[in-house]
Amino acid sequence: MQKTSSARPLALHTAAASIMAYAWSKVGSLPFDDLISKQKGGHLQFLTIQALVGAWAYMGLCLVWDIFPGVRQLGLVRFVKRMLLMVALPLAFVVTSIYWSLYLFFPTLILRPENSFAGAQDSPSLVPKLLRPPLHVDMAMHVAPFATVLVDFLVFERKLSPWQLNKSAPITLLLYGILYACWVEYCSFYNGVFPYPFLTINPPEGRAVVYACVTALAFIALRLLNYLHA
């Protein structure tokens, strides 16, 4: 019974880590990779890639947790695993919900039109042909991280304590939101363009609202998912 019980999380974490490793291996085949790779910040400008790396790191630590039970006695490992969860879960939710909402209803705000990556003055709405990643890569990057971390949280993890939810999580997500905003603003200063069209077409005050709303969405999502936890 114990072997069966421990095999279930191991299977999930192995499959999830493998899917995300595959997604990472396909980053170089994405549209505009040649240009993005040469830009300040590279692919790490994109919240999608940061969410992928965060979820992948979390699943990797979960695998260590599964394979080497002795590490569960180490307070530092437990703390890092919990902190990774508090960031990876809402971050993956934000990426999945925003990406697919825009992809389906306002694709010019999330997808780059052909031959328009070079400058911030290009208007994505004027170019009808949009470059889309292959669907299986899209699913691996924009569905798998959230789906697998969510299943892990709901099935194998304890729900967040009131202190974690009301103290630690808000501070952590606020800091992450500020750091990401500063990071993309810094990169765009050199690149002349933002990683996402909906940021490029917004003035500074509009981007500030976007950063604030995305950070708030991450925290609200974490509270809701924690509430839904049995």
C-alpha atoms as a PDB file:
ATOM      1  CA  MET A   1       0.000   0.000   0.000  1.00  0.00           C
ATOM      2  CA  GLN A   2       2.801   2.389   0.883  1.00  0.00           C
ATOM      3  CA  LYS A   3       4.596   1.589  -2.382  1.00  0.00           C
ATOM      4  CA  THR A   4       1.411   2.275  -4.361  1.00  0.00           C
ATOM      5  CA  SER A   5       0.849   5.506  -2.461  1.00  0.00           C
ATOM      6  CA  SER A   6       4.384   6.748  -3.076  1.00  0.00           C
ATOM      7  CA  ALA A   7       4.280   5.661  -6.736  1.00  0.00           C
ATOM      8  CA  ARG A   8       1.442   8.036  -7.596  1.00  0.00           C
ATOM      9  CA  PRO A   9       3.275  11.305  -6.830  1.00  0.00           C
ATOM     10  CA  LEU A  10       6.456   9.898  -8.359  1.00  0.00           C
ATOM     11  CA  ALA A  11       4.587   9.151 -11.601  1.00  0.00           C
ATOM     12  CA  LEU A  12       3.059  12.637 -11.695  1.00  0.00           C
ATOM     13  CA  HIS A  13       6.318  14.414 -10.949  1.00  0.00           C
ATOM     14  CA  THR A  14       8.267  12.348 -13.472  1.00  0.00           C
ATOM     15  CA  ALA A  15       5.722  12.928 -16.228  1.00  0.00           C
ATOM     16  CA  ALA A  16       5.446  16.643 -15.430  1.00  0.00           C
ATOM     17  CA  ALA A  17       9.207  17.185 -15.321  1.00  0.00           C
ATOM     18  CA  SER A  18       9.588  15.293 -18.612  1.00  0.00           C
ATOM     19  CA  ILE A  19       6.912  17.350 -20.372  1.00  0.00           C
ATOM     20  CA  MET A  20       8.432  20.603 -19.139  1.00  0.00           C
ATOM     21  CA  ALA A  21      11.923  19.482 -20.122  1.00  0.00           C
ATOM     22  CA  TYR A  22      10.552  18.819 -23.603  1.00  0.00           C
ATOM     23  CA  ALA A  23       8.962  22.287 -23.652  1.00  0.00           C
ATOM     24  CA  TRP A  24      12.283  23.852 -22.659  1.00  0.00           C
ATOM     25  CA  SER A  25      14.085  21.904 -25.391  1.00  0.00           C
ATOM     26  CA  LYS A  26      11.705  23.457 -27.933  1.00  0.00           C
ATOM     27  CA  VAL A  27      12.326  27.064 -26.888  1.00  0.00           C
ATOM     28  CA  GLY A  28      14.940  27.369 -29.603  1.00  0.00           C
ATOM     29  CA  SER A  29      12.399  26.410 -32.265  1.00  0.00           C
ATOM     30  CA  LEU A  30       9.885  29.102 -31.338  1.00  0.00           C
ATOM     31  CA  PRO A  31       9.076  31.931 -33.761  1.00  0.00           C
ATOM     32  CA  PHE A  32      11.592  34.785 -33.588  1.00  0.00           C
ATOM     33  CA  ASP A  33      14.053  32.707 -31.571  1.00  0.00           C
ATOM     34  CA  ASP A  34      17.030  34.118 -33.492  1.00  0.00           C
ATOM     35  CA  LEU A  35      16.017  37.675 -32.595  1.00  0.00           C
ATOM     36  CA  ILE A  36      14.909  36.952 -29.025  1.00  0.00           C
ATOM     37  CA  SER A  37      18.090  35.059 -28.187  1.00  0.00           C
ATOM     38  CA  LYS A  38      20.172  38.103 -29.142  1.00  0.00           C
ATOM     39  CA  GLN A  39      18.084  40.533 -27.112  1.00  0.00           C
ATOM     40  CA  LYS A  40      18.751  41.700 -23.585  1.00  0.00           C
ATOM     41  CA  GLY A  41      17.139  39.119 -21.316  1.00  0.00           C
ATOM     42  CA  GLY A  42      16.616  36.553 -24.063  1.00  0.00           C
ATOM     43  CA  HIS A  43      13.666  34.235 -23.515  1.00  0.00           C
ATOM     44  CA  LEU A  44      13.619  35.023 -19.787  1.00  0.00           C
ATOM     45  CA  GLN A  45      11.863  38.276 -20.662  1.00  0.00           C
ATOM     46  CA  PHE A  46       8.740  36.171 -21.077  1.00  0.00           C
ATOM     47  CA  LEU A  47       6.607  35.336 -18.061  1.00  0.00           C
ATOM     48  CA  THR A  48       5.749  32.090 -19.840  1.00  0.00           C
ATOM     49  CA  ILE A  49       9.370  30.941 -19.686  1.00  0.00           C
ATOM     50  CA  GLN A  50       9.755  32.047 -16.072  1.00  0.00           C
ATOM     51  CA  ALA A  51       6.609  30.106 -15.146  1.00  0.00           C
ATOM     52  CA  LEU A  52       7.898  27.076 -17.037  1.00  0.00           C
ATOM     53  CA  VAL A  53      11.258  27.216 -15.239  1.00  0.00           C
ATOM     54  CA  GLY A  54       9.575  27.731 -11.855  1.00  0.00           C
ATOM     55  CA  ALA A  55       7.191  24.801 -12.303  1.00  0.00           C
ATOM     56  CA  TRP A  56      10.023  22.650 -13.636  1.00  0.00           C
ATOM     57  CA  ALA A  57      12.202  23.489 -10.623  1.00  0.00           C
ATOM     58  CA  TYR A  58       9.304  22.663  -8.310  1.00  0.00           C
ATOM     59  CA  MET A  59       8.707  19.299  -9.970  1.00  0.00           C
ATOM     60  CA  GLY A  60      12.441  18.575  -9.850  1.00  0.00           C
ATOM     61  CA  LEU A  61      12.472  19.206  -6.113  1.00  0.00           C
ATOM     62  CA  CYS A  62       9.369  17.036  -5.755  1.00  0.00           C
ATOM     63  CA  LEU A  63      11.250  14.231  -7.496  1.00  0.00           C
ATOM     64  CA  VAL A  64      14.125  14.576  -5.032  1.00  0.00           C
ATOM     65  CA  TRP A  65      11.498  14.477  -2.272  1.00  0.00           C
ATOM     66  CA  ASP A  66      10.017  11.262  -3.738  1.00  0.00           C
ATOM     67  CA  ILE A  67      13.279   9.438  -4.407  1.00  0.00           C
ATOM     68  CA  PHE A  68      15.207  10.446  -1.286  1.00  0.00           C
ATOM     69  CA  PRO A  69      12.767  10.433   1.665  1.00  0.00           C
ATOM     70  CA  GLY A  70      15.543  11.494   4.020  1.00  0.00           C
ATOM     71  CA  VAL A  71      15.484  15.062   2.661  1.00  0.00           C
ATOM     72  CA  ARG A  72      11.995  15.498   4.117  1.00  0.00           C
ATOM     73  CA  GLN A  73      13.608  15.886   7.512  1.00  0.00           C
ATOM     74  CA  LEU A  74      15.565  18.924   6.350  1.00  0.00           C
ATOM     75  CA  GLY A  75      13.784  22.139   7.276  1.00  0.00           C
ATOM     76  CA  LEU A  76      15.461  24.126   4.513  1.00  0.00           C
ATOM     77  CA  VAL A  77      14.248  21.712   1.832  1.00  0.00           C
ATOM     78  CA  ARG A  78      10.688  21.858   3.167  1.00  0.00           C
ATOM     79  CA  PHE A  79      10.829  25.660   3.202  1.00  0.00           C
ATOM     80  CA  VAL A  80      12.187  25.959  -0.351  1.00  0.00           C
ATOM     81  CA  LYS A  81       9.644  23.455  -1.671  1.00  0.00           C
ATOM     82  CA  ARG A  82       6.778  25.377  -0.091  1.00  0.00           C
ATOM     83  CA  MET A  83       8.053  28.735  -1.336  1.00  0.00           C
ATOM     84  CA  LEU A  84       8.454  27.359  -4.862  1.00  0.00           C
ATOM     85  CA  LEU A  85       4.869  26.111  -4.721  1.00  0.00           C
ATOM     86  CA  MET A  86       3.578  29.514  -3.578  1.00  0.00           C
ATOM     87  CA  VAL A  87       5.184  31.144  -6.618  1.00  0.00           C
ATOM     88  CA  ALA A  88       4.926  28.424  -9.273  1.00  0.00           C
ATOM     89  CA  LEU A  89       1.216  27.717  -8.809  1.00  0.00           C
ATOM     90  CA  PRO A  90      -0.172  31.278  -9.154  1.00  0.00           C
ATOM     91  CA  LEU A  91       2.417  32.184 -11.784  1.00  0.00           C
ATOM     92  CA  ALA A  92       1.433  29.213 -13.936  1.00  0.00           C
ATOM     93  CA  PHE A  93      -2.240  30.109 -13.438  1.00  0.00           C
ATOM     94  CA  VAL A  94      -1.617  33.673 -14.610  1.00  0.00           C
ATOM     95  CA  VAL A  95       0.263  32.500 -17.708  1.00  0.00           C
ATOM     96  CA  THR A  96      -2.332  29.881 -18.655  1.00  0.00           C
ATOM     97  CA  SER A  97      -5.387  32.086 -18.074  1.00  0.00           C
ATOM     98  CA  ILE A  98      -4.039  35.221 -19.757  1.00  0.00           C
ATOM     99  CA  TYR A  99      -2.315  33.456 -22.649  1.00  0.00           C
ATOM    100  CA  TRP A 100      -5.269  31.360 -23.729  1.00  0.00           C
ATOM    101  CA  SER A 101      -7.810  34.157 -23.182  1.00  0.00           C
ATOM    102  CA  LEU A 102      -5.828  36.467 -25.455  1.00  0.00           C
ATOM    103  CA  TYR A 103      -4.901  33.665 -27.872  1.00  0.00           C
ATOM    104  CA  LEU A 104      -8.556  32.815 -28.448  1.00  0.00           C
ATOM    105  CA  PHE A 105     -10.170  36.261 -28.339  1.00  0.00           C
ATOM    106  CA  PHE A 106      -7.455  38.902 -28.895  1.00  0.00           C
ATOM    107  CA  PRO A 107      -4.542  37.072 -30.554  1.00  0.00           C
ATOM    108  CA  THR A 108      -2.817  40.246 -31.790  1.00  0.00           C
ATOM    109  CA  LEU A 109      -2.178  41.192 -28.155  1.00  0.00           C
ATOM    110  CA  ILE A 110      -0.198  38.033 -27.380  1.00  0.00           C
ATOM    111  CA  LEU A 111       1.139  36.699 -30.716  1.00  0.00           C
ATOM    112  CA  ARG A 112       3.699  38.429 -32.882  1.00  0.00           C
ATOM    113  CA  PRO A 113       2.850  39.198 -36.516  1.00  0.00           C
ATOM    114  CA  GLU A 114       5.297  38.134 -39.182  1.00  0.00           C
ATOM    115  CA  ASN A 115       8.210  40.544 -39.743  1.00  0.00           C
ATOM    116  CA  SER A 116       7.191  42.875 -36.916  1.00  0.00           C
ATOM    117  CA  PHE A 117       9.501  42.031 -34.046  1.00  0.00           C
ATOM    118  CA  ALA A 118      12.143  44.586 -34.823  1.00  0.00           C
ATOM    119  CA  GLY A 119      10.591  47.738 -33.439  1.00  0.00           C
ATOM    120  CA  ALA A 120       8.177  49.014 -30.823  1.00  0.00           C
ATOM    121  CA  GLN A 121       6.453  51.265 -33.382  1.00  0.00           C
ATOM    122  CA  ASP A 122       4.934  48.321 -35.253  1.00  0.00           C
ATOM    123  CA  SER A 123       1.209  47.931 -34.695  1.00  0.00           C
ATOM    124  CA  PRO A 124       0.270  44.243 -34.371  1.00  0.00           C
ATOM    125  CA  SER A 125      -3.298  44.935 -35.431  1.00  0.00           C
ATOM    126  CA  LEU A 126      -2.171  45.986 -38.937  1.00  0.00           C
ATOM    127  CA  VAL A 127      -0.608  42.652 -39.855  1.00  0.00           C
ATOM    128  CA  PRO A 128      -3.111  39.806 -40.266  1.00  0.00           C
ATOM    129  CA  LYS A 129      -0.716  36.851 -40.286  1.00  0.00           C
ATOM    130  CA  LEU A 130       0.367  35.834 -36.781  1.00  0.00           C
ATOM    131  CA  LEU A 131       3.088  33.327 -36.019  1.00  0.00           C
ATOM    132  CA  ARG A 132       1.823  30.584 -33.726  1.00  0.00           C
ATOM    133  CA  PRO A 133       3.907  27.914 -31.972  1.00  0.00           C
ATOM    134  CA  PRO A 134       3.043  24.274 -32.793  1.00  0.00           C
ATOM    135  CA  LEU A 135       0.039  23.220 -30.718  1.00  0.00           C
ATOM    136  CA  HIS A 136       1.864  20.445 -28.838  1.00  0.00           C
ATOM    137  CA  VAL A 137       4.609  22.883 -27.819  1.00  0.00           C
ATOM    138  CA  ASP A 138       1.994  25.467 -26.873  1.00  0.00           C
ATOM    139  CA  MET A 139       0.254  22.923 -24.626  1.00  0.00           C
ATOM    140  CA  ALA A 140       3.529  21.880 -23.021  1.00  0.00           C
ATOM    141  CA  MET A 141       4.376  25.509 -22.224  1.00  0.00           C
ATOM    142  CA  HIS A 142       1.001  27.068 -21.504  1.00  0.00           C
ATOM    143  CA  VAL A 143      -1.072  24.210 -20.030  1.00  0.00           C
ATOM    144  CA  ALA A 144       1.205  21.537 -18.543  1.00  0.00           C
ATOM    145  CA  PRO A 145       2.921  23.696 -15.875  1.00  0.00           C
ATOM    146  CA  PHE A 146      -0.349  24.879 -14.343  1.00  0.00           C
ATOM    147  CA  ALA A 147      -2.211  21.577 -14.752  1.00  0.00           C
ATOM    148  CA  THR A 148       0.517  19.464 -13.154  1.00  0.00           C
ATOM    149  CA  VAL A 149       1.350  21.839 -10.290  1.00  0.00           C
ATOM    150  CA  LEU A 150      -2.374  22.191  -9.570  1.00  0.00           C
ATOM    151  CA  VAL A 151      -2.891  18.416  -9.430  1.00  0.00           C
ATOM    152  CA  ASP A 152       0.142  18.061  -7.179  1.00  0.00           C
ATOM    153  CA  PHE A 153      -1.167  20.770  -4.840  1.00  0.00           C
ATOM    154  CA  LEU A 154      -4.728  19.441  -4.632  1.00  0.00           C
ATOM    155  CA  VAL A 155      -3.843  15.748  -4.347  1.00  0.00           C
ATOM    156  CA  PHE A 156      -0.459  15.464  -2.636  1.00  0.00           C
ATOM    157  CA  GLU A 157       0.197  18.733  -0.797  1.00  0.00           C
ATOM    158  CA  ARG A 158      -1.267  20.293   2.334  1.00  0.00           C
ATOM    159  CA  LYS A 159      -3.230  23.481   1.821  1.00  0.00           C
ATOM    160  CA  LEU A 160      -1.443  26.684   2.755  1.00  0.00           C
ATOM    161  CA  SER A 161      -1.621  27.724   6.388  1.00  0.00           C
ATOM    162  CA  PRO A 162      -3.260  31.066   7.300  1.00  0.00           C
ATOM    163  CA  TRP A 163       0.199  32.550   7.940  1.00  0.00           C
ATOM    164  CA  GLN A 164       1.509  31.370   4.568  1.00  0.00           C
ATOM    165  CA  LEU A 165      -1.589  32.611   2.751  1.00  0.00           C
ATOM    166  CA  ASN A 166      -1.966  35.963   4.500  1.00  0.00           C
ATOM    167  CA  LYS A 167       1.648  36.913   5.227  1.00  0.00           C
ATOM    168  CA  SER A 168       4.227  35.008   3.227  1.00  0.00           C
ATOM    169  CA  ALA A 169       2.390  34.669  -0.102  1.00  0.00           C
ATOM    170  CA  PRO A 170       1.377  38.343  -0.522  1.00  0.00           C
ATOM    171  CA  ILE A 171       4.889  39.581   0.209  1.00  0.00           C
ATOM    172  CA  THR A 172       6.481  36.970  -2.058  1.00  0.00           C
ATOM    173  CA  LEU A 173       4.133  37.632  -4.986  1.00  0.00           C
ATOM    174  CA  LEU A 174       4.376  41.404  -4.585  1.00  0.00           C
ATOM    175  CA  LEU A 175       8.171  41.237  -4.685  1.00  0.00           C
ATOM    176  CA  TYR A 176       8.055  38.957  -7.712  1.00  0.00           C
ATOM    177  CA  GLY A 177       5.657  41.290  -9.498  1.00  0.00           C
ATOM    178  CA  ILE A 178       7.867  44.316  -8.828  1.00  0.00           C
ATOM    179  CA  LEU A 179      11.017  42.497  -9.904  1.00  0.00           C
ATOM    180  CA  TYR A 180       9.402  41.247 -13.121  1.00  0.00           C
ATOM    181  CA  ALA A 181       8.112  44.712 -13.973  1.00  0.00           C
ATOM    182  CA  CYS A 182      11.557  46.214 -13.414  1.00  0.00           C
ATOM    183  CA  TRP A 183      13.141  43.412 -15.433  1.00  0.00           C
ATOM    184  CA  VAL A 184      10.998  43.822 -18.550  1.00  0.00           C
ATOM    185  CA  GLU A 185      11.235  47.613 -18.398  1.00  0.00           C
ATOM    186  CA  TYR A 186      15.016  47.316 -18.187  1.00  0.00           C
ATOM    187  CA  CYS A 187      15.163  44.859 -21.088  1.00  0.00           C
ATOM    188  CA  SER A 188      12.852  46.953 -23.257  1.00  0.00           C
ATOM    189  CA  PHE A 189      15.076  49.999 -22.744  1.00  0.00           C
ATOM    190  CA  TYR A 190      17.788  48.174 -24.707  1.00  0.00           C
ATOM    191  CA  ASN A 191      15.569  46.120 -27.018  1.00  0.00           C
ATOM    192  CA  GLY A 192      13.162  48.854 -28.057  1.00  0.00           C
ATOM    193  CA  VAL A 193      10.258  46.438 -27.685  1.00  0.00           C
ATOM    194  CA  PHE A 194       8.532  44.508 -24.896  1.00  0.00           C
ATOM    195  CA  PRO A 195       8.174  40.716 -24.852  1.00  0.00           C
ATOM    196  CA  TYR A 196       4.395  40.917 -25.327  1.00  0.00           C
ATOM    197  CA  PRO A 197       2.495  43.159 -27.784  1.00  0.00           C
ATOM    198  CA  PHE A 198      -0.013  44.201 -25.092  1.00  0.00           C
ATOM    199  CA  LEU A 199       2.889  45.752 -23.171  1.00  0.00           C
ATOM    200  CA  THR A 200       4.462  47.362 -26.242  1.00  0.00           C
ATOM    201  CA  ILE A 201       1.275  49.209 -27.226  1.00  0.00           C
ATOM    202  CA  ASN A 202       0.674  50.546 -23.695  1.00  0.00           C
ATOM    203  CA  PRO A 203       2.178  53.762 -22.287  1.00  0.00           C
ATOM    204  CA  PRO A 204       4.117  53.554 -18.973  1.00  0.00           C
ATOM    205  CA  GLU A 205       1.034  54.185 -16.828  1.00  0.00           C
ATOM    206  CA  GLY A 206      -0.865  51.512 -18.748  1.00  0.00           C
ATOM    207  CA  ARG A 207       1.912  49.007 -18.205  1.00  0.00           C
ATOM    208  CA  ALA A 208       1.944  49.852 -14.487  1.00  0.00           C
ATOM    209  CA  VAL A 209      -1.754  48.965 -14.339  1.00  0.00           C
ATOM    210  CA  VAL A 210      -1.074  45.700 -16.186  1.00  0.00           C
ATOM    211  CA  TYR A 211       1.714  44.743 -13.756  1.00  0.00           C
ATOM    212  CA  ALA A 212      -0.494  45.551 -10.756  1.00  0.00           C
ATOM    213  CA  CYS A 213      -3.483  43.634 -12.115  1.00  0.00           C
ATOM    214  CA  VAL A 214      -1.415  40.563 -12.989  1.00  0.00           C
ATOM    215  CA  THR A 215       0.143  40.517  -9.518  1.00  0.00           C
ATOM    216  CA  ALA A 216      -3.300  40.865  -7.909  1.00  0.00           C
ATOM    217  CA  LEU A 217      -4.648  38.081 -10.142  1.00  0.00           C
ATOM    218  CA  ALA A 218      -1.837  35.787  -9.003  1.00  0.00           C
ATOM    219  CA  PHE A 219      -2.668  36.371  -5.340  1.00  0.00           C
ATOM    220  CA  ILE A 220      -6.438  36.019  -5.849  1.00  0.00           C
ATOM    221  CA  ALA A 221      -5.870  32.772  -7.761  1.00  0.00           C
ATOM    222  CA  LEU A 222      -3.703  31.379  -4.966  1.00  0.00           C
ATOM    223  CA  ARG A 223      -6.368  32.195  -2.376  1.00  0.00           C
ATOM    224  CA  LEU A 224      -9.097  30.628  -4.509  1.00  0.00           C
ATOM    225  CA  LEU A 225      -7.126  27.448  -5.214  1.00  0.00           C
ATOM    226  CA  ASN A 226      -6.242  27.146  -1.548  1.00  0.00           C
ATOM    227  CA  TYR A 227      -9.931  27.545  -0.673  1.00  0.00           C
ATOM    228  CA  LEU A 228     -10.823  24.750  -3.109  1.00  0.00           C
ATOM    229  CA  HIS A 229      -8.249  22.453  -1.501  1.00  0.00           C
ATOM    230  CA  ALA A 230      -9.961  19.752   0.556  1.00  0.00           C
END
